[in-house]
Amino acid sequence: MAPHGSDDVQIRSATPADRELVARLRARCYRPSYADEEALHKYMDDERGDLDNGDILLTSRGGRDVATTTSLRGEMNVRGTVLPCQGIAWVGTTHDARRAGGVASRTMHHAINLGRERGEALSSLMPFRASYYANFGYGICERRADWKVPPALLPKGDTSGFRLIEPDDDNALAQMVDCRRSQFGHARLGHGDVMFPHAADAGVRMWRNNTVRTGYLYGDFDSDGSMRGWLNLIPRDDGPRRGLDAEWMVFDTPDGFMRQLAFLGTLKDQYGFVYFTTPADRPIHLLLRETHLPHRAVEHAHATCAMKARNQVRVLDHARVLSEPAWPNAERTGSMVVRIDTADEVAVTLKLNVEAGRCEATPTDASPDFTCTDNAFAAIALGDVKAAWAATHGLASGMPGLLDDLGNGPLPFCREYF
């Protein structure tokens, strides 16, 4: 992509020849001192094709590089349909160029336009501050439940298929990648998840290598030797007690998840707690031997749960996001007009015709039945927020009608971090 900009600000795509420059610029953006630059150089050695694909953007002002972002080429599962999704990562401005002439804003707008040019239907990011990215049309589309559970409370089950994965077992690595792809493509377990196809193998390899340095990897193998799922376990101190952090729990059936919980329960003699994260609509406490999530201080063993909201999404192609995935209510028939007021100050108005489990969304000049911002639309379209709730609480106006069906299904949940 050719450099462009206004005034003395120029934005261009980095090339492989810019590897050292990218590492140095990222250090100036995110790290507190020159001494931390080496870590960024090492990370660049593990990059997953972003330079080769022209996905890293460099912004200069007055001839000096002052900002960067990365526009990853990914996919998002929306109710079982995989749509092209941009992953925004490594957004940064050097300390001496913040709040100075809109450098960061121009970089973000350029990245969003790049996603549109590539035909990506959605754009996703993990914000440092959600209110900042809301200015660019991104809405929070995920609720995560962080569980801390004593292993003795976990359900029992068959754990005979679990065994350690050796660090140099590349055959197991290939099966780990296949398990991750299977989980991502699942209509319910993968809804809202993001994957970067060009980096899937390297991404799983990176997680494996990180785990080898700090913990253990376990595979769940079927009787024929095929891998059904896997998880990594990292020791974690919690005051005087030691726990285990299950950072990745990869499975493609509810039974696979239950087997993993049972396996974690077998470690009760060595660890006081296990930590794992699930979508917010999974009442894990009801699976435990003590279902209480205490409302006051208690002495008996119990689980705790904390809520987080992490993934932020902007819909780039509203008609496609509504039309391609299956409609949640196969019996629904009807039509309505929806207007989305975008951060680009351009309204998108669509007529929705729903029949036989599909939606056809087409542009229209008709008056809307329901109006919302693109921030709210992302949460409604992915089912994180019911349209009626949004209208009742001032996030939208009008009658939700058909749109309320989009909230009938699993909450979106992203396992990747970028």
Foldseek 3Di string as FASTA:
>chain_A
DDWDDDDQKTKFFAAPVCLLVVLQQLCQWPPDDPVPSVVSSVVSVLDQCQRVVSQKMWMDGPPHTFWIKGWAFKWAAFLLDIFIETEIGSTGGGPVCPPPPCRSVVNVVVSLVVCVVVVGFKYKYFDPDVVVCVLQLKAFFAKKKKKKAQLQFFDADDQVQKDFDDLPPVVVLVLQLVLQVLQCNASASNQQAMDRVSCSSSVSNVVSVVLVVFFTKMFRADPVGHTAWIWGWGWDDDVPFIEIEGLDTGHRDPVSVSSVSNVSSVCNVRGGIYIDMDGPPDQSLVNTPHSDQDPDDDDDGGMHIDMDTTMIMFGPNVQCLQFPHWQLDQQDFDKFKEWEQESVRDIFIWIWTDHRRGIGTDGDPDDGQKYAYRNVVVNLSSQVDASVVCCVVVRMHHDCPSSRSNNPGHRNDYSDHD
